[in-house]
Amino acid sequence: MVSLFAGLVRWVDKALKAVISAMVGTMLAVIVLQVFNRYVLNAALSWPEELSRYLQIWVGLLAATYAYQEGSHVGVTFLLGKLPKTVVKVVVVISHILTGIFLCIIGWQGAGLLEKFADLKSPALLIPMSFIYLAVPVSAFFMLLVCMKLIYVTVVGERNKA
């Protein structure tokens, strides 16, 4: 069961990297297209700004998942350095559990937005706004997977890393 979960986390990590890279590449291409059209052809398009904004939302939330896994989020650690290792483990596990609870709330509330905005369409692309708001529960779910992995790694130890 643990190896299945570890495999799932590794697969999600690789998929996130690929999706984030593709989205950033698409953002870059769309922005270059808009700059070219606006300044060279003197004919700005209506949709590139909107698409890049929505891609930026998705990239930001998905990249937060990756940053959480890598330990790149801002944290207050000056106190942890002064505590015994066993107490640090307990504090870190409690921190991850509280983060997991928060992510469940965010995911649940984000999923509630999907129904609320299902009939709304974006102005230029005419895509359902629920697709944009889907980034919240999706990223919360992936962060929850990472959170469970980090709890496991903290409790079991680094040598049995998932």
C-alpha atoms as a PDB file:
ATOM      1  CA  MET A   1       0.000   0.000   0.000  1.00  0.00           C
ATOM      2  CA  VAL A   2       2.817   2.366   0.890  1.00  0.00           C
ATOM      3  CA  SER A   3       4.642   1.655  -2.372  1.00  0.00           C
ATOM      4  CA  LEU A   4       1.405   2.282  -4.294  1.00  0.00           C
ATOM      5  CA  PHE A   5       1.018   5.645  -2.553  1.00  0.00           C
ATOM      6  CA  ALA A   6       4.689   6.462  -3.159  1.00  0.00           C
ATOM      7  CA  GLY A   7       4.274   5.630  -6.834  1.00  0.00           C
ATOM      8  CA  LEU A   8       1.187   7.837  -7.036  1.00  0.00           C
ATOM      9  CA  VAL A   9       3.055  10.746  -5.441  1.00  0.00           C
ATOM     10  CA  ARG A  10       5.996  10.311  -7.860  1.00  0.00           C
ATOM     11  CA  TRP A  11       3.614  10.162 -10.831  1.00  0.00           C
ATOM     12  CA  VAL A  12       1.778  13.302  -9.632  1.00  0.00           C
ATOM     13  CA  ASP A  13       5.132  15.062  -9.195  1.00  0.00           C
ATOM     14  CA  LYS A  14       6.206  14.263 -12.762  1.00  0.00           C
ATOM     15  CA  ALA A  15       2.792  15.153 -14.174  1.00  0.00           C
ATOM     16  CA  LEU A  16       2.745  18.467 -12.291  1.00  0.00           C
ATOM     17  CA  LYS A  17       6.178  19.403 -13.631  1.00  0.00           C
ATOM     18  CA  ALA A  18       5.068  18.609 -17.191  1.00  0.00           C
ATOM     19  CA  VAL A  19       1.743  20.463 -16.885  1.00  0.00           C
ATOM     20  CA  ILE A  20       3.341  23.508 -15.234  1.00  0.00           C
ATOM     21  CA  SER A  21       6.036  23.624 -17.937  1.00  0.00           C
ATOM     22  CA  ALA A  22       3.455  23.345 -20.718  1.00  0.00           C
ATOM     23  CA  MET A  23       1.322  26.085 -19.183  1.00  0.00           C
ATOM     24  CA  VAL A  24       4.288  28.432 -18.748  1.00  0.00           C
ATOM     25  CA  GLY A  25       5.358  27.734 -22.345  1.00  0.00           C
ATOM     26  CA  THR A  26       1.840  28.446 -23.564  1.00  0.00           C
ATOM     27  CA  MET A  27       1.745  31.672 -21.554  1.00  0.00           C
ATOM     28  CA  LEU A  28       5.033  32.766 -23.098  1.00  0.00           C
ATOM     29  CA  ALA A  29       3.872  31.973 -26.648  1.00  0.00           C
ATOM     30  CA  VAL A  30       0.544  33.753 -26.169  1.00  0.00           C
ATOM     31  CA  ILE A  31       2.184  36.851 -24.693  1.00  0.00           C
ATOM     32  CA  VAL A  32       4.757  36.982 -27.527  1.00  0.00           C
ATOM     33  CA  LEU A  33       1.900  36.634 -30.021  1.00  0.00           C
ATOM     34  CA  GLN A  34       0.025  39.505 -28.387  1.00  0.00           C
ATOM     35  CA  VAL A  35       3.097  41.764 -28.303  1.00  0.00           C
ATOM     36  CA  PHE A  36       3.816  40.988 -31.975  1.00  0.00           C
ATOM     37  CA  ASN A  37       0.230  41.691 -33.012  1.00  0.00           C
ATOM     38  CA  ARG A  38      -0.027  44.854 -30.957  1.00  0.00           C
ATOM     39  CA  TYR A  39       3.293  46.515 -31.834  1.00  0.00           C
ATOM     40  CA  VAL A  40       4.193  45.074 -35.233  1.00  0.00           C
ATOM     41  CA  LEU A  41       0.823  44.499 -36.868  1.00  0.00           C
ATOM     42  CA  ASN A  42      -0.923  47.234 -34.848  1.00  0.00           C
ATOM     43  CA  ALA A  43      -3.888  44.890 -34.307  1.00  0.00           C
ATOM     44  CA  ALA A  44      -4.241  43.645 -30.723  1.00  0.00           C
ATOM     45  CA  LEU A  45      -6.119  40.412 -30.100  1.00  0.00           C
ATOM     46  CA  SER A  46      -8.805  40.228 -27.426  1.00  0.00           C
ATOM     47  CA  TRP A  47      -8.075  36.789 -25.943  1.00  0.00           C
ATOM     48  CA  PRO A  48      -4.310  36.467 -25.159  1.00  0.00           C
ATOM     49  CA  GLU A  49      -4.376  38.596 -22.026  1.00  0.00           C
ATOM     50  CA  GLU A  50      -7.284  36.628 -20.613  1.00  0.00           C
ATOM     51  CA  LEU A  51      -5.743  33.260 -21.458  1.00  0.00           C
ATOM     52  CA  SER A  52      -2.399  34.182 -19.919  1.00  0.00           C
ATOM     53  CA  ARG A  53      -4.152  35.439 -16.768  1.00  0.00           C
ATOM     54  CA  TYR A  54      -6.063  32.176 -16.363  1.00  0.00           C
ATOM     55  CA  LEU A  55      -2.962  30.112 -17.075  1.00  0.00           C
ATOM     56  CA  GLN A  56      -1.109  32.147 -14.460  1.00  0.00           C
ATOM     57  CA  ILE A  57      -3.767  31.254 -11.873  1.00  0.00           C
ATOM     58  CA  TRP A  58      -3.405  27.543 -12.669  1.00  0.00           C
ATOM     59  CA  VAL A  59       0.406  27.716 -12.728  1.00  0.00           C
ATOM     60  CA  GLY A  60       0.530  29.558  -9.406  1.00  0.00           C
ATOM     61  CA  LEU A  61      -1.693  27.064  -7.628  1.00  0.00           C
ATOM     62  CA  LEU A  62      -0.074  23.974  -9.149  1.00  0.00           C
ATOM     63  CA  ALA A  63       3.412  25.348  -8.502  1.00  0.00           C
ATOM     64  CA  ALA A  64       2.423  25.894  -4.863  1.00  0.00           C
ATOM     65  CA  THR A  65       1.951  22.126  -4.648  1.00  0.00           C
ATOM     66  CA  TYR A  66       5.414  21.527  -6.022  1.00  0.00           C
ATOM     67  CA  ALA A  67       6.920  24.172  -3.718  1.00  0.00           C
ATOM     68  CA  TYR A  68       5.211  22.562  -0.701  1.00  0.00           C
ATOM     69  CA  GLN A  69       6.714  19.202  -1.594  1.00  0.00           C
ATOM     70  CA  GLU A  70      10.187  20.719  -1.972  1.00  0.00           C
ATOM     71  CA  GLY A  71       9.878  22.659   1.299  1.00  0.00           C
ATOM     72  CA  SER A  72      10.189  25.977  -0.560  1.00  0.00           C
ATOM     73  CA  HIS A  73       7.323  27.774   1.179  1.00  0.00           C
ATOM     74  CA  VAL A  74       8.122  30.413   3.747  1.00  0.00           C
ATOM     75  CA  GLY A  75       8.328  28.970   7.230  1.00  0.00           C
ATOM     76  CA  VAL A  76       9.294  30.140  10.698  1.00  0.00           C
ATOM     77  CA  THR A  77      12.012  27.704  11.735  1.00  0.00           C
ATOM     78  CA  PHE A  78      14.142  29.624  14.208  1.00  0.00           C
ATOM     79  CA  LEU A  79      12.318  28.014  17.143  1.00  0.00           C
ATOM     80  CA  LEU A  80      12.582  24.478  15.737  1.00  0.00           C
ATOM     81  CA  GLY A  81      16.374  24.653  15.799  1.00  0.00           C
ATOM     82  CA  LYS A  82      16.305  25.063  19.585  1.00  0.00           C
ATOM     83  CA  LEU A  83      14.026  22.104  20.304  1.00  0.00           C
ATOM     84  CA  PRO A  84      14.949  18.414  20.730  1.00  0.00           C
ATOM     85  CA  LYS A  85      14.515  16.256  17.598  1.00  0.00           C
ATOM     86  CA  THR A  86      11.543  14.314  18.959  1.00  0.00           C
ATOM     87  CA  VAL A  87       9.687  17.536  19.782  1.00  0.00           C
ATOM     88  CA  VAL A  88      10.534  18.897  16.316  1.00  0.00           C
ATOM     89  CA  LYS A  89       9.001  15.770  14.739  1.00  0.00           C
ATOM     90  CA  VAL A  90       5.805  16.226  16.755  1.00  0.00           C
ATOM     91  CA  VAL A  91       5.584  19.924  15.875  1.00  0.00           C
ATOM     92  CA  VAL A  92       6.188  19.210  12.173  1.00  0.00           C
ATOM     93  CA  VAL A  93       3.558  16.449  12.100  1.00  0.00           C
ATOM     94  CA  ILE A  94       1.020  18.686  13.871  1.00  0.00           C
ATOM     95  CA  SER A  95       1.859  21.449  11.392  1.00  0.00           C
ATOM     96  CA  HIS A  96       1.240  19.122   8.447  1.00  0.00           C
ATOM     97  CA  ILE A  97      -2.007  17.834   9.985  1.00  0.00           C
ATOM     98  CA  LEU A  98      -3.259  21.411  10.422  1.00  0.00           C
ATOM     99  CA  THR A  99      -2.203  22.155   6.852  1.00  0.00           C
ATOM    100  CA  GLY A 100      -4.129  19.083   5.694  1.00  0.00           C
ATOM    101  CA  ILE A 101      -7.263  20.239   7.517  1.00  0.00           C
ATOM    102  CA  PHE A 102      -6.891  23.680   5.943  1.00  0.00           C
ATOM    103  CA  LEU A 103      -6.458  22.110   2.496  1.00  0.00           C
ATOM    104  CA  CYS A 104      -9.613  20.038   2.984  1.00  0.00           C
ATOM    105  CA  ILE A 105     -11.552  23.202   3.800  1.00  0.00           C
ATOM    106  CA  ILE A 106     -10.056  25.054   0.820  1.00  0.00           C
ATOM    107  CA  GLY A 107     -10.799  22.133  -1.506  1.00  0.00           C
ATOM    108  CA  TRP A 108     -14.364  21.802  -0.234  1.00  0.00           C
ATOM    109  CA  GLN A 109     -15.072  25.523  -0.523  1.00  0.00           C
ATOM    110  CA  GLY A 110     -13.359  25.678  -3.924  1.00  0.00           C
ATOM    111  CA  ALA A 111     -15.532  22.821  -5.166  1.00  0.00           C
ATOM    112  CA  GLY A 112     -18.564  24.785  -3.987  1.00  0.00           C
ATOM    113  CA  LEU A 113     -17.528  27.652  -6.262  1.00  0.00           C
ATOM    114  CA  LEU A 114     -17.679  25.384  -9.299  1.00  0.00           C
ATOM    115  CA  GLU A 115     -21.438  25.051  -9.135  1.00  0.00           C
ATOM    116  CA  LYS A 116     -21.869  28.720  -8.296  1.00  0.00           C
ATOM    117  CA  PHE A 117     -19.983  29.863 -11.408  1.00  0.00           C
ATOM    118  CA  ALA A 118     -21.002  27.062 -13.783  1.00  0.00           C
ATOM    119  CA  ASP A 119     -23.178  29.320 -15.945  1.00  0.00           C
ATOM    120  CA  LEU A 120     -20.670  32.189 -16.116  1.00  0.00           C
ATOM    121  CA  LYS A 121     -18.490  32.496 -19.239  1.00  0.00           C
ATOM    122  CA  SER A 122     -15.211  34.366 -19.549  1.00  0.00           C
ATOM    123  CA  PRO A 123     -15.529  37.549 -21.622  1.00  0.00           C
ATOM    124  CA  ALA A 124     -13.020  36.883 -24.418  1.00  0.00           C
ATOM    125  CA  LEU A 125     -12.521  33.098 -24.495  1.00  0.00           C
ATOM    126  CA  LEU A 126     -16.134  32.229 -23.630  1.00  0.00           C
ATOM    127  CA  ILE A 127     -15.017  29.269 -21.518  1.00  0.00           C
ATOM    128  CA  PRO A 128     -16.918  28.402 -18.330  1.00  0.00           C
ATOM    129  CA  MET A 129     -15.507  30.223 -15.322  1.00  0.00           C
ATOM    130  CA  SER A 130     -15.898  27.002 -13.360  1.00  0.00           C
ATOM    131  CA  PHE A 131     -12.891  25.730 -15.340  1.00  0.00           C
ATOM    132  CA  ILE A 132     -10.823  28.582 -13.912  1.00  0.00           C
ATOM    133  CA  TYR A 133     -12.116  27.998 -10.383  1.00  0.00           C
ATOM    134  CA  LEU A 134     -11.388  24.276 -10.742  1.00  0.00           C
ATOM    135  CA  ALA A 135      -7.751  25.176 -10.041  1.00  0.00           C
ATOM    136  CA  VAL A 136      -8.570  25.633  -6.344  1.00  0.00           C
ATOM    137  CA  PRO A 137      -9.914  22.136  -5.506  1.00  0.00           C
ATOM    138  CA  VAL A 138      -7.456  20.439  -7.894  1.00  0.00           C
ATOM    139  CA  SER A 139      -4.434  22.106  -6.311  1.00  0.00           C
ATOM    140  CA  ALA A 140      -5.844  21.494  -2.815  1.00  0.00           C
ATOM    141  CA  PHE A 141      -6.178  17.788  -3.637  1.00  0.00           C
ATOM    142  CA  PHE A 142      -2.607  17.532  -4.922  1.00  0.00           C
ATOM    143  CA  MET A 143      -1.297  19.484  -1.927  1.00  0.00           C
ATOM    144  CA  LEU A 144      -3.200  17.108   0.365  1.00  0.00           C
ATOM    145  CA  LEU A 145      -1.415  14.157  -1.269  1.00  0.00           C
ATOM    146  CA  VAL A 146       1.913  15.899  -0.679  1.00  0.00           C
ATOM    147  CA  CYS A 147       0.860  16.675   2.889  1.00  0.00           C
ATOM    148  CA  MET A 148       0.155  12.992   3.589  1.00  0.00           C
ATOM    149  CA  LYS A 149       3.521  12.081   2.071  1.00  0.00           C
ATOM    150  CA  LEU A 150       5.316  14.623   4.266  1.00  0.00           C
ATOM    151  CA  ILE A 151       3.579  13.290   7.384  1.00  0.00           C
ATOM    152  CA  TYR A 152       4.631   9.762   6.434  1.00  0.00           C
ATOM    153  CA  VAL A 153       8.231  10.812   5.767  1.00  0.00           C
ATOM    154  CA  THR A 154       8.391  12.692   9.076  1.00  0.00           C
ATOM    155  CA  VAL A 155       6.936   9.832  11.130  1.00  0.00           C
ATOM    156  CA  VAL A 156       8.680   6.882   9.441  1.00  0.00           C
ATOM    157  CA  GLY A 157      11.925   8.628   8.657  1.00  0.00           C
ATOM    158  CA  GLU A 158      13.905   9.857   5.694  1.00  0.00           C
ATOM    159  CA  ARG A 159      15.356   6.437   4.782  1.00  0.00           C
ATOM    160  CA  ASN A 160      11.868   5.084   3.992  1.00  0.00           C
ATOM    161  CA  LYS A 161      10.920   8.165   1.998  1.00  0.00           C
ATOM    162  CA  ALA A 162       7.747   7.768  -0.069  1.00  0.00           C
END
